[in-house]
Amino acid sequence: MQIETQHRVYMEHTDMQGVVNNAQYMNWMGWARQAFWQRVNYSEHEALQDGLSWRLVRVDCRYRHNVGLNARIQQTTHVSVEGVRVVFRHRFRANDRVLVDATSEMCVIDHQHRPVRLPDRVRDGVSQQPTS
């Protein structure tokens, strides 16, 4: 599965140096993860009804280039299932340059905070979604 998102850089996204603050990329990665759960039609509310919860378990970022105010950023997120984890591989680009490559991972945990097998509807949703 692939999720495509466009971002425009506004003043609140920048730091004192006038470039996109690294924390903003974390926010945008969170938006892609939220879009994933919506696309596979498994809300946090539904997970809680099943006695489960989502957890972010890892984030790894490689910052390559900076952009500033008014830049238009293309975010491409590839989603895969690896064991009990959902792996999100994010790439942020602007002006034909890679700005950030990042990976984030989530899992579903039970009421005892143990990772559990992803529900079939999540696994099926990843494998049945066309890439864009």
Protein backbone atom coordinates (compact mmCIF):
# COMPACT_ATOMS: atom_id res chain seq x y z
CA MET A 1 0.00 0.00 0.00
CA GLN A 2 1.17 3.50 -0.74
CA ILE A 3 -0.07 6.79 0.69
CA GLU A 4 0.68 10.06 -1.11
CA THR A 5 0.37 13.40 0.68
CA GLN A 6 1.22 16.98 -0.29
CA HIS A 7 2.33 19.56 2.27
CA ARG A 8 2.96 23.27 2.02
CA VAL A 9 5.36 24.83 4.50
CA TYR A 10 3.84 27.59 6.62
CA MET A 11 5.49 29.73 9.28
CA GLU A 12 4.39 27.41 12.11
CA HIS A 13 6.31 24.54 10.46
CA THR A 14 9.65 26.36 10.59
CA ASP A 15 12.27 26.88 13.25
CA MET A 16 14.43 29.90 14.11
CA GLN A 17 16.63 29.17 11.08
CA GLY A 18 13.64 29.41 8.76
CA VAL A 19 13.63 25.76 7.70
CA VAL A 20 11.13 23.00 8.41
CA ASN A 21 11.52 21.94 12.04
CA ASN A 22 12.38 18.25 12.43
CA ALA A 23 9.36 17.75 14.69
CA GLN A 24 7.07 18.74 11.81
CA TYR A 25 8.19 15.68 9.86
CA MET A 26 7.12 13.58 12.85
CA ASN A 27 3.66 15.19 12.68
CA TRP A 28 3.38 14.49 8.96
CA MET A 29 4.41 10.87 9.52
CA GLY A 30 1.63 10.64 12.11
CA TRP A 31 -0.86 11.92 9.54
CA ALA A 32 0.19 9.14 7.13
CA ARG A 33 -0.21 6.52 9.84
CA GLN A 34 -3.68 7.87 10.63
CA ALA A 35 -4.57 7.76 6.92
CA PHE A 36 -3.49 4.11 6.90
CA TRP A 37 -5.82 3.12 9.75
CA GLN A 38 -8.65 4.97 8.01
CA ARG A 39 -7.91 3.25 4.71
CA VAL A 40 -8.03 -0.22 6.26
CA ASN A 41 -11.17 0.87 8.11
CA TYR A 42 -9.94 0.01 11.60
CA SER A 43 -10.31 2.97 13.93
CA GLU A 44 -8.75 3.22 17.37
CA HIS A 45 -12.29 3.07 18.77
CA GLU A 46 -12.86 -0.28 17.02
CA ALA A 47 -9.52 -1.58 18.27
CA LEU A 48 -10.50 -0.67 21.83
CA GLN A 49 -13.81 -2.49 21.41
CA ASP A 50 -11.76 -5.55 20.40
CA GLY A 51 -9.65 -5.17 23.57
CA LEU A 52 -6.69 -3.91 21.54
CA SER A 53 -4.77 -0.68 21.10
CA TRP A 54 -2.28 0.69 18.57
CA ARG A 55 1.25 1.58 19.65
CA LEU A 56 4.03 3.41 17.89
CA VAL A 57 7.12 1.34 18.71
CA ARG A 58 9.87 2.84 16.55
CA VAL A 59 10.80 5.91 14.53
CA ASP A 60 14.05 6.35 12.62
CA CYS A 61 14.77 9.48 10.53
CA ARG A 62 17.53 10.47 8.17
CA TYR A 63 17.49 14.21 7.45
CA ARG A 64 19.18 14.99 4.13
CA HIS A 65 18.20 18.52 2.99
CA ASN A 66 16.27 21.51 4.30
CA VAL A 67 13.51 23.62 2.79
CA GLY A 68 11.86 26.75 4.06
CA LEU A 69 8.71 28.80 3.97
CA ASN A 70 6.23 28.15 1.12
CA ALA A 71 8.00 25.00 -0.05
CA ARG A 72 5.76 22.26 -1.40
CA ILE A 73 6.68 18.85 -0.06
CA GLN A 74 5.59 15.49 -1.48
CA GLN A 75 5.34 12.70 1.10
CA THR A 76 5.22 9.12 -0.13
CA THR A 77 4.61 6.42 2.48
CA HIS A 78 4.90 2.73 1.64
CA VAL A 79 3.10 0.48 4.11
CA SER A 80 3.82 -3.20 4.71
CA VAL A 81 3.08 -5.82 7.33
CA GLU A 82 6.09 -7.53 8.86
CA GLY A 83 5.12 -10.06 11.50
CA VAL A 84 3.12 -8.26 14.20
CA ARG A 85 4.26 -4.82 12.99
CA VAL A 86 2.95 -2.37 10.43
CA VAL A 87 5.99 -0.72 8.85
CA PHE A 88 5.74 2.73 7.28
CA ARG A 89 8.57 3.86 5.00
CA HIS A 90 8.28 7.60 4.51
CA ARG A 91 10.06 9.74 1.93
CA PHE A 92 9.73 13.53 1.79
CA ARG A 93 10.77 15.30 -1.41
CA ALA A 94 10.81 18.86 -2.70
CA ASN A 95 12.36 20.33 -5.83
CA ASP A 96 13.57 16.90 -6.99
CA ARG A 97 15.55 16.41 -3.77
CA VAL A 98 15.04 13.93 -0.99
CA LEU A 99 14.59 15.87 2.24
CA VAL A 100 13.94 13.05 4.70
CA ASP A 101 13.86 9.26 4.63
CA ALA A 102 12.21 7.76 7.68
CA THR A 103 10.73 4.55 8.99
CA SER A 104 8.08 4.22 11.67
CA GLU A 105 6.59 1.04 13.05
CA MET A 106 3.37 0.31 14.88
CA CYS A 107 1.90 -2.76 16.45
CA VAL A 108 -1.38 -3.71 18.04
CA ILE A 109 -1.24 -4.67 21.72
CA ASP A 110 -3.68 -6.45 23.98
CA HIS A 111 -4.90 -5.34 27.42
CA GLN A 112 -1.72 -6.79 28.98
CA HIS A 113 0.41 -4.57 26.68
CA ARG A 114 1.69 -7.52 24.65
CA PRO A 115 1.98 -7.30 20.86
CA VAL A 116 -0.56 -9.51 19.14
CA ARG A 117 -1.14 -10.68 15.59
CA LEU A 118 -2.66 -7.94 13.46
CA PRO A 119 -6.35 -8.43 12.80
CA ASP A 120 -7.05 -10.06 9.44
CA ARG A 121 -8.90 -6.98 8.20
CA VAL A 122 -5.70 -4.95 8.65
CA ARG A 123 -3.51 -7.56 6.92
CA ASP A 124 -6.06 -7.96 4.11
CA GLY A 125 -6.38 -4.18 3.77
CA VAL A 126 -2.64 -3.80 3.17
CA SER A 127 -2.48 -6.60 0.60
CA GLN A 128 -5.64 -5.55 -1.28
CA GLN A 129 -4.96 -1.81 -1.56
CA PRO A 130 -3.63 -0.71 -4.94
CA THR A 131 -0.55 1.47 -4.89
CA SER A 132 -0.97 4.93 -6.29
